[in-house]
């Protein structure tokens, strides 16, 4: 694998292409996670979906049973 040089990293075209691919990859992963009914955490923040499942860094976290909806605020 060829290592990029400092000039490669600072090239506007390469950088924008990298950012575009990065966002596209994250969007696809997030869509896959949502399709699977699982919440995905990016950069340490939790996103709750209707299923009530959470995951952090791709690992699902088991939560205790939730109270009935009538008791939720």
N, C-alpha and C. Protein backbone atom coordinates (compact mmCIF):
# COMPACT_ATOMS: atom_id res chain seq x y z
N UNK A 1 0.84 -1.19 0.00
CA UNK A 1 0.00 0.00 0.00
C UNK A 1 0.88 1.25 0.00
N UNK A 2 0.61 2.13 -0.93
CA UNK A 2 1.41 3.35 -1.05
C UNK A 2 0.94 4.37 -0.02
N UNK A 3 1.90 4.89 0.69
CA UNK A 3 1.56 5.93 1.68
C UNK A 3 1.47 7.28 0.99
N UNK A 4 0.47 8.04 1.36
CA UNK A 4 0.32 9.37 0.78
C UNK A 4 1.34 10.33 1.36
N UNK A 5 1.70 11.30 0.58
CA UNK A 5 2.62 12.32 1.05
C UNK A 5 1.81 13.50 1.60
N UNK A 6 2.51 14.40 2.24
CA UNK A 6 1.85 15.58 2.78
C UNK A 6 1.15 16.36 1.66
N UNK A 7 1.79 16.43 0.49
CA UNK A 7 1.19 17.15 -0.64
C UNK A 7 -0.10 16.48 -1.10
N UNK A 8 -0.13 15.13 -1.10
CA UNK A 8 -1.35 14.42 -1.49
C UNK A 8 -2.50 14.79 -0.56
N UNK A 9 -2.21 14.84 0.72
CA UNK A 9 -3.26 15.12 1.71
C UNK A 9 -3.82 16.53 1.55
N UNK A 10 -2.95 17.46 1.19
CA UNK A 10 -3.38 18.85 1.12
C UNK A 10 -3.99 19.22 -0.23
N UNK A 11 -3.91 18.30 -1.20
CA UNK A 11 -4.49 18.57 -2.51
C UNK A 11 -6.01 18.66 -2.37
N UNK A 12 -6.59 19.74 -2.86
CA UNK A 12 -8.03 19.98 -2.68
C UNK A 12 -8.88 18.87 -3.28
N UNK A 13 -8.51 18.43 -4.49
CA UNK A 13 -9.31 17.40 -5.15
C UNK A 13 -9.30 16.10 -4.37
N UNK A 14 -8.11 15.69 -3.92
CA UNK A 14 -8.01 14.45 -3.16
C UNK A 14 -8.77 14.56 -1.85
N UNK A 15 -8.65 15.72 -1.21
CA UNK A 15 -9.30 15.88 0.09
C UNK A 15 -10.82 15.85 -0.05
N UNK A 16 -11.35 16.58 -1.04
CA UNK A 16 -12.81 16.60 -1.20
C UNK A 16 -13.33 15.22 -1.60
N UNK A 17 -12.54 14.49 -2.40
CA UNK A 17 -12.94 13.13 -2.78
C UNK A 17 -12.96 12.23 -1.56
N UNK A 18 -11.94 12.39 -0.70
CA UNK A 18 -11.87 11.59 0.53
C UNK A 18 -13.07 11.89 1.42
N UNK A 19 -13.39 13.16 1.60
CA UNK A 19 -14.52 13.55 2.45
C UNK A 19 -15.82 12.99 1.88
N UNK A 20 -15.96 13.08 0.56
CA UNK A 20 -17.18 12.58 -0.08
C UNK A 20 -17.33 11.07 0.14
N UNK A 21 -16.23 10.33 -0.04
CA UNK A 21 -16.29 8.88 0.17
C UNK A 21 -16.54 8.56 1.64
N UNK A 22 -15.94 9.34 2.54
CA UNK A 22 -16.12 9.11 3.97
C UNK A 22 -17.58 9.28 4.36
N UNK A 23 -18.20 10.37 3.89
CA UNK A 23 -19.61 10.62 4.22
C UNK A 23 -20.52 9.58 3.59
N UNK A 24 -20.21 9.19 2.36
CA UNK A 24 -21.03 8.19 1.68
C UNK A 24 -20.96 6.86 2.43
N UNK A 25 -19.76 6.49 2.88
CA UNK A 25 -19.60 5.24 3.62
C UNK A 25 -20.38 5.30 4.93
N UNK A 26 -20.23 6.41 5.66
CA UNK A 26 -20.95 6.54 6.93
C UNK A 26 -22.45 6.52 6.72
N UNK A 27 -22.92 7.18 5.67
CA UNK A 27 -24.35 7.22 5.39
C UNK A 27 -24.87 5.82 5.09
N UNK A 28 -24.11 5.07 4.29
CA UNK A 28 -24.52 3.70 3.98
C UNK A 28 -24.54 2.83 5.23
N UNK A 29 -23.52 2.96 6.08
CA UNK A 29 -23.49 2.18 7.31
C UNK A 29 -24.66 2.56 8.21
N UNK A 30 -24.94 3.86 8.31
CA UNK A 30 -26.04 4.31 9.16
C UNK A 30 -27.37 3.80 8.62
N UNK A 31 -27.57 3.87 7.30
CA UNK A 31 -28.80 3.36 6.72
C UNK A 31 -28.96 1.88 6.98
N UNK A 32 -27.86 1.13 6.89
CA UNK A 32 -27.91 -0.31 7.16
C UNK A 32 -28.31 -0.55 8.61
N UNK A 33 -27.71 0.22 9.52
CA UNK A 33 -28.03 0.06 10.94
C UNK A 33 -29.50 0.38 11.20
N UNK A 34 -30.01 1.44 10.59
CA UNK A 34 -31.41 1.82 10.79
C UNK A 34 -32.32 0.73 10.23
N UNK A 35 -31.95 0.19 9.07
CA UNK A 35 -32.74 -0.88 8.46
C UNK A 35 -32.82 -2.08 9.39
N UNK A 36 -31.71 -2.35 10.07
CA UNK A 36 -31.68 -3.49 10.99
C UNK A 36 -32.37 -3.19 12.31
N UNK A 37 -32.91 -1.99 12.46
CA UNK A 37 -33.61 -1.63 13.69
C UNK A 37 -32.69 -1.38 14.85
N UNK A 38 -31.48 -0.97 14.57
CA UNK A 38 -30.51 -0.75 15.64
C UNK A 38 -30.02 0.69 15.58
N UNK A 39 -29.86 1.29 16.72
CA UNK A 39 -29.34 2.66 16.75
C UNK A 39 -27.83 2.61 16.64
N UNK A 40 -27.26 3.63 16.06
CA UNK A 40 -25.81 3.68 15.88
C UNK A 40 -25.27 4.90 16.59
N UNK A 41 -24.17 4.73 17.27
CA UNK A 41 -23.54 5.85 17.97
C UNK A 41 -22.32 6.30 17.18
N UNK A 42 -22.28 7.57 16.83
CA UNK A 42 -21.10 8.17 16.22
C UNK A 42 -20.51 9.16 17.19
N UNK A 43 -19.22 9.11 17.35
CA UNK A 43 -18.45 10.01 18.20
C UNK A 43 -19.05 10.10 19.60
N UNK A 44 -19.46 8.95 20.13
CA UNK A 44 -19.86 8.87 21.53
C UNK A 44 -21.24 9.38 21.85
N UNK A 45 -22.04 9.76 20.86
CA UNK A 45 -23.39 10.21 21.15
C UNK A 45 -24.38 9.14 20.76
N UNK A 46 -25.42 8.96 21.53
CA UNK A 46 -26.39 7.91 21.28
C UNK A 46 -27.56 8.43 20.46
N UNK A 47 -27.99 7.62 19.52
CA UNK A 47 -29.16 7.94 18.71
C UNK A 47 -30.19 6.85 18.99
N UNK A 48 -31.34 7.23 19.48
CA UNK A 48 -32.36 6.26 19.84
C UNK A 48 -33.33 6.07 18.69
N UNK A 49 -33.60 4.82 18.39
CA UNK A 49 -34.60 4.49 17.37
C UNK A 49 -35.80 3.87 18.07
N UNK A 50 -36.88 3.65 17.33
CA UNK A 50 -38.11 3.14 17.92
C UNK A 50 -37.94 1.77 18.56
N UNK A 51 -36.97 1.01 18.08
CA UNK A 51 -36.79 -0.34 18.61
C UNK A 51 -36.28 -0.30 20.05
N UNK A 52 -35.69 0.81 20.46
CA UNK A 52 -35.15 0.89 21.81
C UNK A 52 -33.77 0.27 21.94
N UNK A 53 -33.22 -0.23 20.83
CA UNK A 53 -31.87 -0.80 20.88
C UNK A 53 -30.85 0.32 20.79
N UNK A 54 -29.73 0.12 21.44
CA UNK A 54 -28.63 1.07 21.35
C UNK A 54 -27.40 0.29 20.90
N UNK A 55 -26.49 0.98 20.27
CA UNK A 55 -25.19 0.37 20.05
C UNK A 55 -24.14 1.45 20.19
N UNK A 56 -22.97 1.06 20.61
CA UNK A 56 -21.87 2.00 20.76
C UNK A 56 -20.69 1.41 20.02
N UNK A 57 -20.26 2.09 18.98
CA UNK A 57 -19.14 1.59 18.20
C UNK A 57 -19.45 0.27 17.52
N UNK A 58 -20.72 0.04 17.20
CA UNK A 58 -21.09 -1.18 16.50
C UNK A 58 -21.46 -2.32 17.42
N UNK A 59 -21.29 -2.16 18.74
CA UNK A 59 -21.64 -3.22 19.67
C UNK A 59 -22.97 -2.89 20.32
N UNK A 60 -23.96 -3.76 20.23
CA UNK A 60 -25.25 -3.47 20.87
C UNK A 60 -25.13 -3.50 22.39
N UNK A 61 -25.83 -2.60 23.03
CA UNK A 61 -25.89 -2.57 24.49
C UNK A 61 -27.26 -3.07 24.92
N UNK A 62 -27.27 -3.96 25.91
CA UNK A 62 -28.54 -4.48 26.41
C UNK A 62 -29.03 -3.54 27.51
N UNK A 63 -30.26 -3.07 27.36
CA UNK A 63 -30.84 -2.17 28.34
C UNK A 63 -31.88 -2.91 29.16
N UNK A 64 -32.12 -2.49 30.40
CA UNK A 64 -33.18 -3.10 31.19
C UNK A 64 -34.54 -2.82 30.56
N UNK A 65 -35.55 -3.59 30.92
CA UNK A 65 -36.89 -3.34 30.36
C UNK A 65 -37.33 -1.91 30.62
N UNK A 66 -37.96 -1.31 29.63
CA UNK A 66 -38.40 0.07 29.75
C UNK A 66 -39.79 0.13 30.37
N UNK A 67 -40.10 1.21 31.12
CA UNK A 67 -41.44 1.34 31.70
C UNK A 67 -42.49 1.53 30.61
N UNK A 68 -43.74 1.25 30.91
CA UNK A 68 -44.79 1.47 29.92
C UNK A 68 -44.81 2.92 29.44
N UNK A 69 -45.30 3.12 28.24
CA UNK A 69 -45.28 4.46 27.63
C UNK A 69 -46.02 5.49 28.48
N UNK A 70 -47.02 5.04 29.25
CA UNK A 70 -47.81 5.97 30.07
C UNK A 70 -46.95 6.65 31.12
N UNK A 71 -45.85 5.99 31.55
CA UNK A 71 -45.01 6.56 32.59
C UNK A 71 -43.87 7.40 32.03
N UNK A 72 -43.69 7.36 30.73
CA UNK A 72 -42.62 8.16 30.12
C UNK A 72 -43.06 9.61 30.00
N UNK A 73 -42.09 10.51 30.10
CA UNK A 73 -42.40 11.94 30.00
C UNK A 73 -42.62 12.32 28.55
